Amino acid sequence: LFTVSKPLHGFISGKQSKEYLLNTGLPRESLAEIWDLADMDHDGSLSLAEFAVAMHCIHAVESGCNLPTTVSVKLRDSLLFHINNRNTILASLNKVGSVNVTLYIVAITMIIMIWYTIHM
């Protein structure tokens, strides 16, 4: 879903995310909470890692679970580390092409999702 949304520089905008989120059929209040949890750097867009958090939250709500009030400190810090360092890494990788940047983002997100699965 993330790549279908045609991310720009590794991010999808709130506008791009809105249609998918509304199509889940979840109440707008729940979607707003999910967005607040997922958009950890509060920039109005989602990285692949943040998108993965949103998808996890959507699945949890659809499965009848309550949303957490916050993302765990370990997960948040891990994701924010990658988000904050993304600009530096992307600037250097940008010279080699967008395919390498996309592969890097996918690899980091997979690592984060595996870590999240093991530790949550």
Protein backbone atom coordinates (compact mmCIF):
# COMPACT_ATOMS: atom_id res chain seq x y z
CA LEU A 1 0.00 0.00 0.00
CA PHE A 2 2.79 2.40 0.85
CA THR A 3 4.51 2.09 -2.52
CA VAL A 4 1.18 2.20 -4.38
CA SER A 5 0.71 5.66 -2.85
CA LYS A 6 3.86 6.77 -4.72
CA PRO A 7 5.84 8.18 -1.81
CA LEU A 8 7.85 11.31 -2.48
CA HIS A 9 11.36 11.09 -0.99
CA GLY A 10 10.25 8.18 1.19
CA PHE A 11 7.11 9.81 2.59
CA ILE A 12 3.41 9.85 1.78
CA SER A 13 1.44 12.97 2.60
CA GLY A 14 -1.54 13.18 4.90
CA LYS A 15 -3.68 13.76 1.81
CA GLN A 16 -2.39 10.53 0.23
CA SER A 17 -3.02 8.61 3.45
CA LYS A 18 -6.46 10.08 4.08
CA GLU A 19 -8.29 8.15 1.36
CA TYR A 20 -6.93 4.79 2.51
CA LEU A 21 -7.60 5.56 6.17
CA LEU A 22 -11.18 6.63 5.49
CA ASN A 23 -11.78 3.47 3.46
CA THR A 24 -11.05 1.34 6.53
CA GLY A 25 -14.49 2.27 7.83
CA LEU A 26 -13.12 3.09 11.27
CA PRO A 27 -14.61 6.08 13.09
CA ARG A 28 -12.89 9.39 12.36
CA GLU A 29 -11.99 9.72 16.04
CA SER A 30 -10.10 6.42 15.91
CA LEU A 31 -8.38 7.45 12.67
CA ALA A 32 -7.30 10.73 14.26
CA GLU A 33 -5.82 8.83 17.21
CA ILE A 34 -4.06 6.43 14.84
CA TRP A 35 -2.62 9.34 12.87
CA ASP A 36 -1.36 10.97 16.08
CA LEU A 37 0.32 7.73 17.12
CA ALA A 38 1.84 7.04 13.69
CA ASP A 39 3.06 10.52 12.70
CA MET A 40 5.72 10.51 15.37
CA ASP A 41 7.67 13.51 14.11
CA HIS A 42 4.42 15.46 13.53
CA ASP A 43 5.37 16.55 10.01
CA GLY A 44 1.99 15.73 8.43
CA SER A 45 3.40 12.86 6.38
CA LEU A 46 4.26 9.21 7.02
CA SER A 47 7.50 7.40 6.38
CA LEU A 48 7.31 3.71 5.66
CA ALA A 49 8.06 2.99 9.33
CA GLU A 50 5.33 5.37 10.48
CA PHE A 51 2.95 3.87 7.91
CA ALA A 52 3.69 0.44 9.40
CA VAL A 53 2.70 1.76 12.84
CA ALA A 54 -0.56 3.11 11.37
CA MET A 55 -1.32 -0.24 9.71
CA HIS A 56 -0.59 -2.09 12.96
CA CYS A 57 -2.96 0.24 14.85
CA ILE A 58 -5.69 -0.15 12.22
CA HIS A 59 -5.39 -3.93 12.39
CA ALA A 60 -5.51 -3.81 16.19
CA VAL A 61 -8.71 -1.73 16.21
CA GLU A 62 -10.31 -3.92 13.55
CA SER A 63 -9.46 -6.93 15.73
CA GLY A 64 -11.26 -5.40 18.69
CA CYS A 65 -8.24 -4.17 20.61
CA ASN A 66 -8.04 -0.74 22.19
CA LEU A 67 -5.50 1.71 20.85
CA PRO A 68 -2.59 2.47 23.13
CA THR A 69 -2.38 6.06 24.31
CA THR A 70 1.25 6.24 23.22
CA VAL A 71 3.75 4.28 21.18
CA SER A 72 6.20 2.48 23.48
CA VAL A 73 9.31 4.50 24.28
CA LYS A 74 11.60 1.86 22.77
CA LEU A 75 9.68 1.73 19.50
CA ARG A 76 9.26 5.51 19.34
CA ASP A 77 12.94 6.15 19.95
CA SER A 78 13.96 3.53 17.42
CA LEU A 79 11.65 4.95 14.75
CA LEU A 80 12.54 8.56 15.51
CA PHE A 81 16.23 7.71 15.30
CA HIS A 82 15.71 6.41 11.78
CA ILE A 83 13.41 9.27 10.82
CA ASN A 84 15.80 11.93 12.14
CA ASN A 85 18.80 10.35 10.45
CA ARG A 86 16.89 9.81 7.23
CA ASN A 87 17.68 13.24 5.82
CA THR A 88 21.43 12.76 6.21
CA ILE A 89 21.32 9.26 4.79
CA LEU A 90 19.02 10.21 1.92
CA ALA A 91 21.20 13.15 0.97
CA SER A 92 24.18 10.85 0.50
CA LEU A 93 22.15 8.08 -1.13
CA ASN A 94 20.36 10.48 -3.43
CA LYS A 95 23.51 10.66 -5.50
CA VAL A 96 23.22 6.95 -6.32
CA GLY A 97 19.56 6.92 -7.29
CA SER A 98 16.06 6.59 -5.90
CA VAL A 99 15.99 2.78 -6.18
CA ASN A 100 18.74 2.51 -3.56
CA VAL A 101 16.91 4.97 -1.30
CA THR A 102 13.71 2.94 -1.53
CA LEU A 103 15.57 -0.29 -0.79
CA TYR A 104 17.22 1.32 2.22
CA ILE A 105 13.87 2.51 3.59
CA VAL A 106 12.29 -0.91 3.05
CA ALA A 107 15.21 -2.63 4.80
CA ILE A 108 15.07 -0.30 7.82
CA THR A 109 11.32 -0.71 8.09
CA MET A 110 11.60 -4.49 7.99
CA ILE A 111 14.18 -4.39 10.78
CA ILE A 112 11.93 -2.15 12.87
CA MET A 113 8.89 -4.37 12.29
CA ILE A 114 10.85 -7.48 13.30
CA TRP A 115 12.12 -5.71 16.42
CA TYR A 116 8.59 -4.55 17.22
CA THR A 117 7.20 -8.07 16.81
CA ILE A 118 9.82 -9.55 19.12
CA HIS A 119 9.61 -6.90 21.83
CA MET A 120 5.90 -6.11 21.99
